[in-house]
Amino acid sequence: MSCELLTVPEAMAVLKVSRWTLYNLIRSGEVASIVVGERCRRIPASALDTYVTRLCEEVS
């Protein structure tokens, strides 16, 4: 099984949003994330794809 995990700064760059905005999306459940170890938050690339797809469908 292969799943690309992005750091918070990498995910921010993909979505072109601020750290504050990304953490709000994570807190609200709109973007899924996982915690590796005790402090390392990672965002699956597929979670960003799902989020963007959902946004595009809402606009259509």
Protein backbone atom coordinates (compact mmCIF):
# COMPACT_ATOMS: atom_id res chain seq x y z
CA MET A 1 0.00 0.00 0.00
CA SER A 2 1.36 3.39 -0.96
CA CYS A 3 0.04 6.69 0.31
CA GLU A 4 1.92 9.93 -0.12
CA LEU A 5 1.94 11.91 3.12
CA LEU A 6 2.52 15.65 3.03
CA THR A 7 3.83 17.88 5.79
CA VAL A 8 1.73 20.87 6.79
CA PRO A 9 3.94 23.30 4.80
CA GLU A 10 3.72 21.04 1.73
CA ALA A 11 -0.07 20.83 1.98
CA MET A 12 -0.24 24.61 2.46
CA ALA A 13 1.73 25.04 -0.76
CA VAL A 14 -0.51 22.64 -2.70
CA LEU A 15 -3.69 24.44 -1.61
CA LYS A 16 -2.03 27.87 -1.56
CA VAL A 17 -3.51 28.65 1.85
CA SER A 18 -2.12 29.84 5.17
CA ARG A 19 -1.23 27.58 8.09
CA TRP A 20 -4.24 28.97 9.98
CA THR A 21 -6.61 28.09 7.13
CA LEU A 22 -5.20 24.57 6.76
CA TYR A 23 -5.49 23.84 10.48
CA ASN A 24 -9.09 25.14 10.43
CA LEU A 25 -9.87 22.76 7.55
CA ILE A 26 -8.32 19.90 9.55
CA ARG A 27 -10.20 20.83 12.75
CA SER A 28 -13.52 21.02 10.88
CA GLY A 29 -12.95 17.62 9.29
CA GLU A 30 -12.93 19.00 5.75
CA VAL A 31 -9.35 17.78 5.24
CA ALA A 32 -8.27 14.49 6.80
CA SER A 33 -4.94 14.22 8.56
CA ILE A 34 -3.02 11.79 10.74
CA VAL A 35 -0.56 12.21 13.58
CA VAL A 36 2.67 10.25 13.30
CA GLY A 37 4.34 9.78 16.65
CA GLU A 38 3.42 12.40 19.19
CA ARG A 39 3.66 15.64 17.23
CA CYS A 40 4.10 15.08 13.50
CA ARG A 41 0.91 15.85 11.60
CA ARG A 42 0.72 14.55 8.04
CA ILE A 43 -1.91 15.06 5.39
CA PRO A 44 -2.51 12.30 2.84
CA ALA A 45 -2.27 13.67 -0.70
CA SER A 46 -5.53 11.84 -1.41
CA ALA A 47 -7.25 13.95 1.30
CA LEU A 48 -6.33 17.10 -0.61
CA ASP A 49 -7.63 15.57 -3.85
CA THR A 50 -10.91 14.68 -2.13
CA TYR A 51 -11.25 18.19 -0.69
CA VAL A 52 -10.60 19.93 -4.01
CA THR A 53 -12.96 17.55 -5.85
CA ARG A 54 -15.70 18.29 -3.31
CA LEU A 55 -15.19 22.05 -3.74
CA CYS A 56 -15.39 21.72 -7.53
CA GLU A 57 -18.60 19.70 -7.30
CA GLU A 58 -20.19 22.36 -5.06
CA VAL A 59 -19.47 25.03 -7.66
CA SER A 60 -20.91 22.98 -10.53
